[in-house]
């Protein structure tokens, strides 16, 4: 009824059923100095910082850098890497990746090593086809974070499922 009234440009009068829910919150202690970082990590908490502006990735435990900064190649302008707070949810030692190029043609990249998914089809993975890392722009990835092989392997073994990933500009 509401949708029909709005579509017809008419007023609607009626009542709505709803449930009251109690608000919830999480209180947690953050590591000293974490207030100056993109993610408010707890002491010793593993997390990954993907800086899309500088094309660098850094791995932390709390506020301590344990790997990086690592030069990476994020998504190109037509298929940018997502920004926001995510979590590693799936990992593969090797996987065939498929998708569409900008011109509509399909690509198939077999045996992509050390894949750590953090949001939908976005992942951190090795990119042995990249000759250099630490840049952005045309020629970048299809949205994933292309990473040097040794670093992608290290992240694959270090990051647990649920590890926070903070991707930002």
N, C-alpha and C. Protein backbone atom coordinates (compact mmCIF):
# COMPACT_ATOMS: atom_id res chain seq x y z
N UNK A 1 0.81 -1.20 0.00
CA UNK A 1 0.00 0.00 0.00
C UNK A 1 0.86 1.26 0.00
N UNK A 2 1.92 1.25 0.80
CA UNK A 2 2.78 2.43 0.88
C UNK A 2 3.41 2.71 -0.48
N UNK A 3 3.96 1.67 -1.11
CA UNK A 3 4.62 1.84 -2.40
C UNK A 3 3.63 2.36 -3.44
N UNK A 4 2.44 1.81 -3.45
CA UNK A 4 1.43 2.26 -4.42
C UNK A 4 1.08 3.73 -4.20
N UNK A 5 0.95 4.15 -2.96
CA UNK A 5 0.63 5.55 -2.66
C UNK A 5 1.76 6.46 -3.11
N UNK A 6 3.00 6.07 -2.83
CA UNK A 6 4.16 6.90 -3.23
C UNK A 6 4.24 6.98 -4.74
N UNK A 7 4.10 5.85 -5.42
CA UNK A 7 4.16 5.85 -6.88
C UNK A 7 3.06 6.70 -7.50
N UNK A 8 1.91 6.74 -6.87
CA UNK A 8 0.79 7.53 -7.38
C UNK A 8 0.86 8.99 -6.92
N UNK A 9 1.83 9.31 -6.07
CA UNK A 9 1.96 10.67 -5.56
C UNK A 9 0.89 11.02 -4.55
N UNK A 10 0.35 10.03 -3.88
CA UNK A 10 -0.73 10.25 -2.92
C UNK A 10 -0.21 10.09 -1.49
N UNK A 11 -0.93 10.71 -0.58
CA UNK A 11 -0.60 10.57 0.84
C UNK A 11 -0.98 9.17 1.31
N UNK A 12 -0.30 8.71 2.34
CA UNK A 12 -0.62 7.40 2.92
C UNK A 12 -0.79 7.56 4.42
N UNK A 13 -1.83 6.98 4.94
CA UNK A 13 -2.06 6.97 6.39
C UNK A 13 -2.24 5.51 6.79
N UNK A 14 -1.58 5.12 7.84
CA UNK A 14 -1.69 3.74 8.29
C UNK A 14 -0.76 3.50 9.46
N UNK A 15 -0.64 2.26 9.83
CA UNK A 15 0.26 1.93 10.93
C UNK A 15 1.24 0.86 10.47
N UNK A 16 2.35 0.79 11.15
CA UNK A 16 3.39 -0.17 10.85
C UNK A 16 3.63 -1.05 12.06
N UNK A 17 3.84 -2.32 11.84
CA UNK A 17 4.24 -3.22 12.91
C UNK A 17 5.76 -3.15 13.04
N UNK A 18 6.25 -3.17 14.25
CA UNK A 18 7.70 -3.14 14.47
C UNK A 18 8.03 -3.81 15.79
N UNK A 19 9.27 -4.21 15.90
CA UNK A 19 9.78 -4.80 17.14
C UNK A 19 10.79 -3.83 17.74
N UNK A 20 10.71 -3.65 19.04
CA UNK A 20 11.73 -2.86 19.73
C UNK A 20 12.89 -3.76 20.07
N UNK A 21 14.08 -3.28 19.80
CA UNK A 21 15.28 -4.04 20.15
C UNK A 21 16.16 -3.16 21.03
N UNK A 22 16.84 -3.80 21.93
CA UNK A 22 17.75 -3.08 22.81
C UNK A 22 19.03 -2.74 22.04
N UNK A 23 19.57 -1.55 22.23
CA UNK A 23 20.82 -1.21 21.55
C UNK A 23 21.95 -2.09 22.08
N UNK A 24 22.91 -2.33 21.23
CA UNK A 24 24.08 -3.10 21.66
C UNK A 24 25.34 -2.35 21.26
N UNK A 25 26.39 -2.61 21.98
CA UNK A 25 27.67 -1.99 21.68
C UNK A 25 28.77 -2.92 22.11
N UNK A 26 29.96 -2.66 21.58
CA UNK A 26 31.13 -3.44 21.95
C UNK A 26 32.14 -2.49 22.56
N UNK A 27 32.61 -2.83 23.71
CA UNK A 27 33.65 -2.03 24.34
C UNK A 27 34.93 -2.83 24.28
N UNK A 28 36.00 -2.21 23.78
CA UNK A 28 37.27 -2.92 23.68
C UNK A 28 38.42 -1.97 23.92
N UNK A 29 39.46 -2.50 24.44
CA UNK A 29 40.67 -1.73 24.69
C UNK A 29 41.50 -1.73 23.42
N UNK A 30 41.96 -0.55 23.01
CA UNK A 30 42.82 -0.49 21.84
C UNK A 30 44.27 -0.33 22.30
N UNK A 31 45.16 -0.74 21.43
CA UNK A 31 46.59 -0.67 21.73
C UNK A 31 47.02 0.80 21.82
N UNK A 32 47.95 1.12 22.72
CA UNK A 32 48.47 2.49 22.78
C UNK A 32 49.03 2.90 21.42
N UNK A 33 48.61 4.06 20.93
CA UNK A 33 49.04 4.55 19.63
C UNK A 33 48.11 4.18 18.49
N UNK A 34 47.17 3.26 18.73
CA UNK A 34 46.27 2.83 17.65
C UNK A 34 45.33 3.94 17.21
N UNK A 35 45.13 4.94 18.06
CA UNK A 35 44.24 6.04 17.68
C UNK A 35 44.80 6.83 16.50
N UNK A 36 46.09 6.65 16.19
CA UNK A 36 46.72 7.35 15.07
C UNK A 36 46.80 6.49 13.81
N UNK A 37 46.22 5.30 13.86
CA UNK A 37 46.26 4.39 12.72
C UNK A 37 44.87 4.26 12.10
N UNK A 38 44.78 3.75 10.87
CA UNK A 38 43.47 3.62 10.22
C UNK A 38 42.52 2.62 10.88
N UNK A 39 43.05 1.74 11.73
CA UNK A 39 42.22 0.73 12.39
C UNK A 39 42.54 0.72 13.88
N UNK A 40 41.54 0.78 14.75
CA UNK A 40 41.79 0.80 16.20
C UNK A 40 42.01 -0.62 16.75
N UNK A 41 43.17 -1.17 16.50
CA UNK A 41 43.46 -2.56 16.88
C UNK A 41 43.62 -2.72 18.38
N UNK A 42 43.23 -3.88 18.85
CA UNK A 42 43.49 -4.27 20.24
C UNK A 42 44.96 -4.65 20.36
N UNK A 43 45.51 -4.64 21.55
CA UNK A 43 46.92 -5.05 21.70
C UNK A 43 47.14 -6.46 21.13
N UNK A 44 48.12 -6.59 20.24
CA UNK A 44 48.47 -7.88 19.65
C UNK A 44 47.56 -8.36 18.54
N UNK A 45 46.48 -7.64 18.24
CA UNK A 45 45.53 -8.06 17.20
C UNK A 45 46.17 -7.95 15.82
N UNK A 46 46.06 -9.02 15.03
CA UNK A 46 46.56 -9.01 13.65
C UNK A 46 45.60 -8.21 12.77
N UNK A 47 46.17 -7.35 11.92
CA UNK A 47 45.35 -6.64 10.94
C UNK A 47 46.23 -6.19 9.78
N UNK A 48 45.58 -5.93 8.65
CA UNK A 48 46.28 -5.56 7.42
C UNK A 48 45.79 -4.19 6.97
N UNK A 49 46.74 -3.30 6.73
CA UNK A 49 46.45 -1.94 6.25
C UNK A 49 46.79 -1.87 4.77
N UNK A 50 45.78 -1.62 3.92
CA UNK A 50 46.00 -1.44 2.49
C UNK A 50 45.80 0.04 2.19
N UNK A 51 46.88 0.74 1.89
CA UNK A 51 46.82 2.16 1.57
C UNK A 51 46.75 2.29 0.05
N UNK A 52 45.57 2.60 -0.47
CA UNK A 52 45.35 2.67 -1.91
C UNK A 52 45.98 3.91 -2.53
N UNK A 53 46.24 4.93 -1.73
CA UNK A 53 46.88 6.15 -2.24
C UNK A 53 48.36 5.90 -2.52
N UNK A 54 49.04 5.25 -1.59
CA UNK A 54 50.48 5.02 -1.74
C UNK A 54 50.80 3.67 -2.38
N UNK A 55 49.79 2.84 -2.63
CA UNK A 55 49.97 1.49 -3.19
C UNK A 55 50.93 0.68 -2.31
N UNK A 56 50.64 0.71 -1.00
CA UNK A 56 51.44 -0.05 -0.04
C UNK A 56 50.52 -0.78 0.93
N UNK A 57 51.00 -1.92 1.39
CA UNK A 57 50.26 -2.72 2.36
C UNK A 57 51.20 -3.00 3.54
N UNK A 58 50.64 -2.91 4.75
CA UNK A 58 51.43 -3.14 5.96
C UNK A 58 50.66 -4.08 6.87
N UNK A 59 51.36 -5.05 7.44
CA UNK A 59 50.75 -6.01 8.37
C UNK A 59 51.16 -5.64 9.79
N UNK A 60 50.18 -5.62 10.68
CA UNK A 60 50.38 -5.21 12.06
C UNK A 60 49.94 -6.29 13.03
N UNK A 61 50.52 -6.24 14.21
CA UNK A 61 49.99 -6.91 15.39
C UNK A 61 49.86 -5.81 16.43
N UNK A 62 48.62 -5.38 16.68
CA UNK A 62 48.39 -4.19 17.49
C UNK A 62 48.89 -2.99 16.72
N UNK A 63 49.87 -2.27 17.29
CA UNK A 63 50.46 -1.12 16.60
C UNK A 63 51.85 -1.44 16.06
N UNK A 64 52.30 -2.67 16.23
CA UNK A 64 53.64 -3.06 15.78
C UNK A 64 53.60 -3.58 14.35
N UNK A 65 54.45 -2.99 13.50
CA UNK A 65 54.57 -3.45 12.12
C UNK A 65 55.33 -4.78 12.13
N UNK A 66 54.71 -5.82 11.56
CA UNK A 66 55.37 -7.12 11.49
C UNK A 66 55.79 -7.48 10.06
N UNK A 67 55.28 -6.75 9.08
CA UNK A 67 55.68 -6.93 7.68
C UNK A 67 55.28 -5.69 6.91
N UNK A 68 56.25 -5.13 6.19
CA UNK A 68 55.94 -4.00 5.32
C UNK A 68 56.61 -2.73 5.76
N UNK A 69 56.30 -1.65 5.05
CA UNK A 69 55.30 -1.57 3.98
C UNK A 69 55.71 -2.38 2.74
N UNK A 70 54.73 -3.02 2.15
CA UNK A 70 54.89 -3.87 0.98
C UNK A 70 54.34 -3.11 -0.23
N UNK A 71 55.12 -2.91 -1.28
CA UNK A 71 54.56 -2.27 -2.48
C UNK A 71 53.59 -3.22 -3.17
N UNK A 72 52.43 -2.72 -3.57
CA UNK A 72 51.39 -3.53 -4.21
C UNK A 72 50.86 -2.82 -5.44
N UNK A 73 50.03 -3.50 -6.20
CA UNK A 73 49.31 -2.90 -7.33
C UNK A 73 47.82 -3.14 -7.08
N UNK A 74 47.08 -2.09 -6.70
CA UNK A 74 45.64 -2.25 -6.49
C UNK A 74 44.87 -2.14 -7.81
N UNK A 75 43.56 -2.09 -7.71
CA UNK A 75 42.70 -2.02 -8.89
C UNK A 75 42.92 -0.77 -9.72
N UNK A 76 42.75 -0.92 -11.01
CA UNK A 76 42.85 0.22 -11.93
C UNK A 76 41.60 1.10 -11.79
N UNK A 77 41.61 2.31 -12.35
CA UNK A 77 40.46 3.22 -12.19
C UNK A 77 39.12 2.63 -12.61
N UNK A 78 39.10 1.78 -13.64
CA UNK A 78 37.83 1.21 -14.10
C UNK A 78 37.36 0.03 -13.25
N UNK A 79 38.22 -0.49 -12.39
CA UNK A 79 37.84 -1.59 -11.48
C UNK A 79 38.62 -1.42 -10.18
N UNK A 80 38.29 -0.38 -9.41
CA UNK A 80 39.07 -0.06 -8.22
C UNK A 80 38.91 -1.09 -7.10
N UNK A 81 39.93 -1.15 -6.26
CA UNK A 81 39.86 -1.97 -5.06
C UNK A 81 38.87 -1.31 -4.09
N UNK A 82 38.07 -2.12 -3.43
CA UNK A 82 37.09 -1.58 -2.47
C UNK A 82 37.82 -0.94 -1.30
N UNK A 83 37.17 0.07 -0.71
CA UNK A 83 37.72 0.64 0.51
C UNK A 83 36.73 0.41 1.64
N UNK A 84 37.27 0.25 2.83
CA UNK A 84 36.45 -0.01 4.01
C UNK A 84 37.11 -1.02 4.92
N UNK A 85 36.36 -1.45 5.93
CA UNK A 85 36.85 -2.44 6.89
C UNK A 85 36.25 -3.80 6.55
N UNK A 86 37.11 -4.78 6.35
CA UNK A 86 36.70 -6.12 5.96
C UNK A 86 37.45 -7.14 6.81
N UNK A 87 37.21 -8.42 6.54
CA UNK A 87 37.91 -9.49 7.24
C UNK A 87 38.27 -10.60 6.26
N UNK A 88 39.44 -11.19 6.44
CA UNK A 88 39.81 -12.36 5.64
C UNK A 88 38.79 -13.45 5.91
N UNK A 89 38.17 -13.98 4.85
CA UNK A 89 37.13 -14.99 5.06
C UNK A 89 37.38 -16.29 4.32
N UNK A 90 38.36 -16.33 3.41
CA UNK A 90 38.61 -17.53 2.62
C UNK A 90 40.02 -17.45 2.06
N UNK A 91 40.73 -18.58 2.06
CA UNK A 91 42.10 -18.60 1.53
C UNK A 91 42.32 -19.85 0.68
N UNK A 92 43.13 -19.67 -0.38
CA UNK A 92 43.54 -20.77 -1.24
C UNK A 92 45.04 -20.68 -1.48
N UNK A 93 45.71 -21.84 -1.48
CA UNK A 93 47.13 -21.84 -1.85
C UNK A 93 47.28 -21.46 -3.32
N UNK A 94 46.32 -21.87 -4.14
CA UNK A 94 46.35 -21.59 -5.57
C UNK A 94 44.93 -21.66 -6.10
N UNK A 95 44.62 -20.79 -7.06
CA UNK A 95 43.27 -20.76 -7.61
C UNK A 95 43.29 -20.19 -9.02
N UNK A 96 42.44 -20.73 -9.89
CA UNK A 96 42.24 -20.14 -11.21
C UNK A 96 41.24 -19.00 -11.07
N UNK A 97 41.62 -17.82 -11.55
CA UNK A 97 40.74 -16.64 -11.46
C UNK A 97 40.20 -16.33 -12.84
N UNK A 98 38.92 -15.96 -12.88
CA UNK A 98 38.24 -15.64 -14.13
C UNK A 98 37.45 -14.35 -13.96
N UNK A 99 37.28 -13.63 -15.05
CA UNK A 99 36.48 -12.42 -15.00
C UNK A 99 36.41 -11.75 -16.35
N UNK A 100 35.99 -10.49 -16.34
CA UNK A 100 35.85 -9.72 -17.57
C UNK A 100 36.85 -8.58 -17.61
N UNK A 101 37.43 -8.37 -18.79
CA UNK A 101 38.28 -7.21 -19.03
C UNK A 101 37.40 -6.01 -19.34
N UNK A 102 38.00 -4.83 -19.40
CA UNK A 102 37.25 -3.61 -19.69
C UNK A 102 36.52 -3.67 -21.03
N UNK A 103 37.10 -4.38 -22.01
CA UNK A 103 36.48 -4.46 -23.33
C UNK A 103 35.41 -5.54 -23.43
N UNK A 104 35.12 -6.21 -22.32
CA UNK A 104 34.10 -7.25 -22.30
C UNK A 104 34.62 -8.65 -22.56
N UNK A 105 35.87 -8.75 -23.00
CA UNK A 105 36.45 -10.08 -23.20
C UNK A 105 36.72 -10.73 -21.85
N UNK A 106 36.82 -12.04 -21.88
CA UNK A 106 37.04 -12.79 -20.63
C UNK A 106 38.53 -13.01 -20.40
N UNK A 107 38.92 -13.03 -19.14
CA UNK A 107 40.28 -13.44 -18.81
C UNK A 107 40.22 -14.68 -17.93
N UNK A 108 41.23 -15.50 -18.06
CA UNK A 108 41.41 -16.68 -17.21
C UNK A 108 42.87 -16.68 -16.80
N UNK A 109 43.11 -16.64 -15.51
CA UNK A 109 44.47 -16.66 -14.98
C UNK A 109 44.61 -17.91 -14.11
N UNK A 110 45.22 -18.98 -14.67
CA UNK A 110 45.31 -20.23 -13.90
C UNK A 110 46.37 -20.15 -12.79
N UNK A 111 46.13 -20.91 -11.75
CA UNK A 111 47.12 -21.13 -10.69
C UNK A 111 47.65 -19.84 -10.05
N UNK A 112 46.76 -18.93 -9.71
CA UNK A 112 47.17 -17.71 -8.99
C UNK A 112 47.51 -18.15 -7.56
N UNK A 113 48.75 -17.88 -7.10
CA UNK A 113 49.15 -18.39 -5.79
C UNK A 113 48.80 -17.46 -4.63
N UNK A 114 48.66 -18.07 -3.45
CA UNK A 114 48.57 -17.40 -2.15
C UNK A 114 47.45 -16.37 -2.11
N UNK A 115 46.21 -16.85 -2.19
CA UNK A 115 45.02 -16.00 -2.29
C UNK A 115 44.34 -15.88 -0.92
N UNK A 116 44.12 -14.65 -0.48
CA UNK A 116 43.39 -14.37 0.77
C UNK A 116 42.24 -13.42 0.46
N UNK A 117 41.01 -13.94 0.41
CA UNK A 117 39.83 -13.12 0.13
C UNK A 117 39.43 -12.33 1.37
N UNK A 118 39.06 -11.04 1.14
CA UNK A 118 38.62 -10.21 2.26
C UNK A 118 37.26 -9.56 2.03
N UNK A 119 36.75 -9.52 0.80
CA UNK A 119 35.41 -8.97 0.53
C UNK A 119 34.96 -9.46 -0.84
N UNK A 120 33.85 -10.19 -0.85
CA UNK A 120 33.29 -10.71 -2.10
C UNK A 120 34.41 -11.33 -2.95
N UNK A 121 34.65 -10.82 -4.17
CA UNK A 121 35.70 -11.40 -5.02
C UNK A 121 37.03 -10.65 -4.90
N UNK A 122 37.16 -9.78 -3.93
CA UNK A 122 38.40 -9.03 -3.73
C UNK A 122 39.35 -9.81 -2.83
N UNK A 123 40.60 -9.89 -3.26
CA UNK A 123 41.58 -10.64 -2.48
C UNK A 123 42.95 -9.99 -2.55
N UNK A 124 43.78 -10.42 -1.63
CA UNK A 124 45.22 -10.16 -1.66
C UNK A 124 45.81 -11.43 -2.25
N UNK A 125 46.60 -11.33 -3.32
CA UNK A 125 47.19 -12.53 -3.90
C UNK A 125 48.49 -12.21 -4.60
N UNK A 126 49.30 -13.25 -4.80
CA UNK A 126 50.55 -13.10 -5.54
C UNK A 126 50.22 -12.75 -6.99
N UNK A 127 51.09 -11.97 -7.59
CA UNK A 127 50.91 -11.58 -8.99
C UNK A 127 52.25 -11.71 -9.71
N UNK A 128 52.65 -12.95 -10.03
CA UNK A 128 53.96 -13.14 -10.66
C UNK A 128 54.08 -12.49 -12.04
N UNK A 129 52.96 -12.09 -12.64
CA UNK A 129 52.98 -11.43 -13.94
C UNK A 129 53.34 -9.94 -13.84
N UNK A 130 53.25 -9.38 -12.64
CA UNK A 130 53.61 -7.96 -12.47
C UNK A 130 55.13 -7.82 -12.42
N UNK A 131 55.67 -6.90 -13.21
CA UNK A 131 57.12 -6.69 -13.20
C UNK A 131 57.55 -5.76 -12.08
N UNK A 132 56.67 -4.82 -11.71
CA UNK A 132 56.98 -3.88 -10.63
C UNK A 132 55.74 -3.71 -9.77
N UNK A 133 55.97 -3.26 -8.55
CA UNK A 133 54.88 -3.02 -7.59
C UNK A 133 55.05 -1.63 -7.00
N UNK A 134 53.97 -1.13 -6.38
CA UNK A 134 54.03 0.17 -5.74
C UNK A 134 53.50 1.29 -6.61
N UNK A 135 52.59 0.98 -7.51
CA UNK A 135 52.01 1.99 -8.40
C UNK A 135 50.51 1.76 -8.55
N UNK A 136 49.81 2.79 -9.01
CA UNK A 136 48.38 2.72 -9.27
C UNK A 136 48.11 3.29 -10.65
N UNK A 137 46.91 3.04 -11.17
CA UNK A 137 46.52 3.64 -12.44
C UNK A 137 46.15 2.61 -13.48
N UNK A 138 46.02 3.05 -14.76
CA UNK A 138 45.71 2.13 -15.84
C UNK A 138 46.74 1.00 -15.87
N UNK A 139 46.28 -0.21 -16.13
CA UNK A 139 47.18 -1.35 -16.10
C UNK A 139 47.21 -2.05 -14.75
N UNK A 140 46.48 -1.48 -13.78
CA UNK A 140 46.39 -2.11 -12.47
C UNK A 140 45.53 -3.36 -12.52
N UNK A 141 45.19 -3.87 -11.36
CA UNK A 141 44.46 -5.13 -11.28
C UNK A 141 42.97 -4.95 -11.62
N UNK A 142 42.25 -6.06 -11.60
CA UNK A 142 40.80 -6.04 -11.80
C UNK A 142 40.07 -5.73 -10.49
N UNK A 143 40.80 -5.31 -9.46
CA UNK A 143 40.22 -4.96 -8.17
C UNK A 143 40.93 -5.60 -7.00
N UNK A 144 41.61 -6.70 -7.26
CA UNK A 144 42.36 -7.37 -6.19
C UNK A 144 43.63 -6.56 -5.86
N UNK A 145 44.31 -6.97 -4.80
CA UNK A 145 45.56 -6.34 -4.41
C UNK A 145 46.69 -7.26 -4.86
N UNK A 146 47.29 -6.91 -6.02
CA UNK A 146 48.42 -7.69 -6.55
C UNK A 146 49.63 -7.47 -5.66
N UNK A 147 50.25 -8.56 -5.24
CA UNK A 147 51.29 -8.53 -4.21
C UNK A 147 52.48 -9.37 -4.67
N UNK A 148 53.71 -8.95 -4.32
CA UNK A 148 54.86 -9.81 -4.62
C UNK A 148 54.66 -11.21 -4.02
N UNK A 149 55.12 -12.22 -4.72
CA UNK A 149 54.84 -13.61 -4.33
C UNK A 149 55.28 -13.93 -2.91
N UNK A 150 56.49 -13.53 -2.52
CA UNK A 150 56.97 -13.87 -1.18
C UNK A 150 56.11 -13.22 -0.09
N UNK A 151 55.63 -12.02 -0.34
CA UNK A 151 54.78 -11.33 0.65
C UNK A 151 53.39 -11.95 0.70
N UNK A 152 52.83 -12.30 -0.46
CA UNK A 152 51.50 -12.94 -0.49
C UNK A 152 51.54 -14.28 0.23
N UNK A 153 52.63 -15.02 0.06
CA UNK A 153 52.76 -16.31 0.76
C UNK A 153 52.85 -16.09 2.26
N UNK A 154 53.63 -15.09 2.68
CA UNK A 154 53.76 -14.79 4.11
C UNK A 154 52.39 -14.43 4.69
N UNK A 155 51.64 -13.56 4.01
CA UNK A 155 50.32 -13.15 4.49
C UNK A 155 49.38 -14.35 4.57
N UNK A 156 49.41 -15.21 3.56
CA UNK A 156 48.57 -16.41 3.54
C UNK A 156 48.79 -17.24 4.81
N UNK A 157 50.03 -17.41 5.22
CA UNK A 157 50.35 -18.22 6.40
C UNK A 157 50.13 -17.46 7.71
N UNK A 158 50.30 -16.15 7.70
CA UNK A 158 50.20 -15.33 8.92
C UNK A 158 48.76 -14.98 9.26
N UNK A 159 47.97 -14.60 8.26
CA UNK A 159 46.61 -14.10 8.51
C UNK A 159 45.66 -15.26 8.80
N UNK A 160 44.98 -15.17 9.92
CA UNK A 160 43.95 -16.14 10.27
C UNK A 160 42.64 -15.72 9.60
N UNK A 161 41.72 -16.66 9.42
CA UNK A 161 40.38 -16.26 8.98
C UNK A 161 39.83 -15.31 10.03
N UNK A 162 39.25 -14.21 9.59
CA UNK A 162 38.74 -13.20 10.51
C UNK A 162 39.69 -12.03 10.70
N UNK A 163 40.94 -12.14 10.23
CA UNK A 163 41.89 -11.04 10.36
C UNK A 163 41.32 -9.79 9.69
N UNK A 164 41.36 -8.66 10.38
CA UNK A 164 40.83 -7.41 9.84
C UNK A 164 41.69 -6.90 8.70
N UNK A 165 41.02 -6.36 7.68
CA UNK A 165 41.67 -5.73 6.54
C UNK A 165 41.07 -4.34 6.42
N UNK A 166 41.91 -3.32 6.51
CA UNK A 166 41.46 -1.93 6.38
C UNK A 166 42.01 -1.39 5.07
N UNK A 167 41.13 -1.18 4.11
CA UNK A 167 41.50 -0.68 2.79
C UNK A 167 41.02 0.76 2.68
N UNK A 168 41.92 1.68 2.34
CA UNK A 168 41.56 3.11 2.38
C UNK A 168 42.43 3.93 1.44
N UNK A 169 41.95 5.15 1.16
CA UNK A 169 42.72 6.13 0.39
C UNK A 169 43.38 7.10 1.33
